[in-house]
Every structure is written in structure tokens, then in C-alpha cells.
Amino acid sequence: MVQARNNLIHEDSYEKQWKRLKEIVDYVLTELQISCLNAQDSAQNKLQDWLKGVDHNLQEVKVLRAWV
């Protein structure tokens, strides 16, 4: 009877541990996804800013060329 009781306790404990592990893994994957999306948005904004700077510099070069 003691062995049967210990087996039941361990099975319940393992089930709780697996559920907790699943929660932790889900949380980590969700945070990684959010982090990746934020990094992608940041990189896209930096690229757009850089392209605007290149366009502005090209316009300045055209103006300077016209003056020459």
C-alpha cells in the first residue's frame, strides 16, 4: 500500500512538473517571438531612416552639381 501511494504521488508530481515545464517553455518562446518582432521593427525603422538620409544626400549632391 505504501508503494502504491508513493507511485500515485510521484505520478501526480511528474504531471505537475510537466505542466510547469510546458508553461515555462511557452513563456520563453512567446518572449523570444516578441523580442524578434521588436528587433525586426527596429531594424526596419533604421533602414528607412538610412534610406531617407541617402535620398537627402543625393538631393544635396544634385543641388551642388547644379551650382557647379
Protein backbone atom coordinates (compact mmCIF):
# COMPACT_ATOMS: atom_id res chain seq x y z
CA MET A 1 0.00 0.00 0.00
CA VAL A 2 2.85 2.38 0.77
CA GLN A 3 4.44 1.65 -2.61
CA ALA A 4 1.13 2.26 -4.40
CA ARG A 5 0.69 5.54 -2.55
CA ASN A 6 4.23 6.62 -3.42
CA ASN A 7 3.64 5.76 -7.08
CA LEU A 8 0.50 7.87 -7.17
CA ILE A 9 2.22 10.79 -5.51
CA HIS A 10 5.12 10.64 -7.97
CA GLU A 11 2.84 10.42 -10.99
CA ASP A 12 0.91 13.45 -9.81
CA SER A 13 4.15 15.27 -9.10
CA TYR A 14 5.50 14.44 -12.56
CA GLU A 15 2.29 15.64 -14.15
CA LYS A 16 2.55 18.95 -12.31
CA GLN A 17 6.20 19.27 -13.24
CA TRP A 18 5.43 18.66 -16.93
CA LYS A 19 2.66 21.23 -16.85
CA ARG A 20 5.00 23.74 -15.21
CA LEU A 21 7.73 22.95 -17.75
CA LYS A 22 5.24 23.45 -20.59
CA GLU A 23 4.22 26.84 -19.12
CA ILE A 24 7.87 27.90 -18.87
CA VAL A 25 8.65 26.80 -22.43
CA ASP A 26 5.56 28.57 -23.76
CA TYR A 27 6.55 31.75 -21.90
CA VAL A 28 10.13 31.65 -23.20
CA LEU A 29 9.01 31.04 -26.79
CA THR A 30 6.48 33.87 -26.58
CA GLU A 31 9.11 36.26 -25.23
CA LEU A 32 11.55 35.21 -27.96
CA GLN A 33 8.91 35.84 -30.60
CA ILE A 34 8.16 39.29 -29.16
CA SER A 35 11.87 40.07 -28.97
CA CYS A 36 12.40 39.02 -32.60
CA LEU A 37 9.45 41.07 -33.81
CA ASN A 38 10.68 44.13 -31.89
CA ALA A 39 14.19 43.71 -33.32
CA GLN A 40 12.74 43.37 -36.82
CA ASP A 41 10.69 46.55 -36.38
CA SER A 42 13.73 48.40 -35.07
CA ALA A 43 15.89 47.24 -37.97
CA GLN A 44 13.20 48.22 -40.45
CA ASN A 45 12.95 51.71 -38.93
CA LYS A 46 16.74 52.12 -39.03
CA LEU A 47 16.80 51.04 -42.67
CA GLN A 48 14.06 53.52 -43.58
CA ASP A 49 15.89 56.31 -41.76
CA TRP A 50 19.12 55.39 -43.56
CA LEU A 51 17.37 55.37 -46.95
CA LYS A 52 15.85 58.78 -46.21
CA GLY A 53 19.35 60.04 -45.37
CA VAL A 54 20.73 58.64 -48.62
CA ASP A 55 17.90 60.26 -50.58
CA HIS A 56 18.50 63.59 -48.82
CA ASN A 57 22.25 63.36 -49.56
CA LEU A 58 21.53 62.62 -53.22
CA GLN A 59 19.32 65.69 -53.42
CA GLU A 60 22.10 67.80 -51.90
CA VAL A 61 24.57 66.41 -54.43
CA LYS A 62 22.20 67.28 -57.28
CA VAL A 63 21.85 70.83 -55.96
CA LEU A 64 25.61 71.22 -55.60
CA ARG A 65 26.12 69.85 -59.08
CA ALA A 66 23.67 72.39 -60.48
CA TRP A 67 25.62 75.20 -58.85
CA VAL A 68 28.89 73.98 -60.28
